[in-house]
């Protein structure tokens, strides 16, 4: 993610519709409601995925 604004724009898109939620699930993004809330409130940021 190149900018903080880009992250939050994408989170808003992904969390406003069932299709966005399905896209996150398809990408393997499993997040609790509390974590998602903190992301949207700018209190926490997602960390980089672990390499496998």
C-alpha atoms as a PDB file:
ATOM      1  CA  UNK A   1       0.000   0.000   0.000  1.00  0.00           C
ATOM      2  CA  UNK A   2       1.581   3.224  -1.100  1.00  0.00           C
ATOM      3  CA  UNK A   3      -0.421   5.629   1.050  1.00  0.00           C
ATOM      4  CA  UNK A   4      -2.556   5.677   4.175  1.00  0.00           C
ATOM      5  CA  UNK A   5      -5.434   7.180   2.211  1.00  0.00           C
ATOM      6  CA  UNK A   6      -5.227   4.317  -0.287  1.00  0.00           C
ATOM      7  CA  UNK A   7      -5.506   1.750   2.499  1.00  0.00           C
ATOM      8  CA  UNK A   8      -8.609   3.323   3.993  1.00  0.00           C
ATOM      9  CA  UNK A   9     -10.255   3.850   0.612  1.00  0.00           C
ATOM     10  CA  UNK A  10      -9.792   0.139  -0.110  1.00  0.00           C
ATOM     11  CA  UNK A  11     -11.020  -0.880   3.336  1.00  0.00           C
ATOM     12  CA  UNK A  12     -14.149   1.226   2.869  1.00  0.00           C
ATOM     13  CA  UNK A  13     -14.782  -0.390  -0.503  1.00  0.00           C
ATOM     14  CA  UNK A  14     -14.235  -3.898   0.841  1.00  0.00           C
ATOM     15  CA  UNK A  15     -16.385  -3.467   3.935  1.00  0.00           C
ATOM     16  CA  UNK A  16     -19.423  -1.764   2.384  1.00  0.00           C
ATOM     17  CA  UNK A  17     -20.751  -4.689   0.366  1.00  0.00           C
ATOM     18  CA  UNK A  18     -21.180  -8.448   0.469  1.00  0.00           C
ATOM     19  CA  UNK A  19     -19.030  -8.695  -2.665  1.00  0.00           C
ATOM     20  CA  UNK A  20     -16.219  -6.853  -0.879  1.00  0.00           C
ATOM     21  CA  UNK A  21     -16.443  -9.210   2.069  1.00  0.00           C
ATOM     22  CA  UNK A  22     -16.321 -12.170  -0.309  1.00  0.00           C
ATOM     23  CA  UNK A  23     -13.296 -10.673  -2.058  1.00  0.00           C
ATOM     24  CA  UNK A  24     -11.487 -10.422   1.289  1.00  0.00           C
ATOM     25  CA  UNK A  25     -12.389 -14.041   2.107  1.00  0.00           C
ATOM     26  CA  UNK A  26     -11.217 -15.188  -1.332  1.00  0.00           C
ATOM     27  CA  UNK A  27      -7.902 -13.394  -0.753  1.00  0.00           C
ATOM     28  CA  UNK A  28      -7.467 -15.185   2.576  1.00  0.00           C
ATOM     29  CA  UNK A  29      -8.017 -12.086   4.695  1.00  0.00           C
ATOM     30  CA  UNK A  30      -9.634 -13.177   7.923  1.00  0.00           C
ATOM     31  CA  UNK A  31     -10.096 -10.290  10.311  1.00  0.00           C
ATOM     32  CA  UNK A  32     -12.117  -9.930  13.484  1.00  0.00           C
ATOM     33  CA  UNK A  33     -14.785  -7.260  13.718  1.00  0.00           C
ATOM     34  CA  UNK A  34     -12.772  -5.437  16.406  1.00  0.00           C
ATOM     35  CA  UNK A  35      -9.598  -5.347  14.325  1.00  0.00           C
ATOM     36  CA  UNK A  36     -11.493  -4.098  11.294  1.00  0.00           C
ATOM     37  CA  UNK A  37     -13.082  -1.388  13.443  1.00  0.00           C
ATOM     38  CA  UNK A  38      -9.640  -0.269  14.694  1.00  0.00           C
ATOM     39  CA  UNK A  39      -8.347  -0.168  11.097  1.00  0.00           C
ATOM     40  CA  UNK A  40     -11.228   2.048  10.034  1.00  0.00           C
ATOM     41  CA  UNK A  41     -10.761   4.295  13.095  1.00  0.00           C
ATOM     42  CA  UNK A  42      -7.040   4.708  12.249  1.00  0.00           C
ATOM     43  CA  UNK A  43      -6.058   3.157  15.608  1.00  0.00           C
ATOM     44  CA  UNK A  44      -4.306   0.132  14.122  1.00  0.00           C
ATOM     45  CA  UNK A  45      -2.803  -0.701  10.743  1.00  0.00           C
ATOM     46  CA  UNK A  46      -2.578  -4.064   9.040  1.00  0.00           C
ATOM     47  CA  UNK A  47       0.799  -5.723   9.166  1.00  0.00           C
ATOM     48  CA  UNK A  48       2.608  -7.221   6.227  1.00  0.00           C
ATOM     49  CA  UNK A  49       1.681 -10.839   5.453  1.00  0.00           C
ATOM     50  CA  UNK A  50       4.076 -13.508   6.621  1.00  0.00           C
ATOM     51  CA  UNK A  51       6.102 -15.211   3.887  1.00  0.00           C
ATOM     52  CA  UNK A  52       5.363 -18.909   3.553  1.00  0.00           C
END
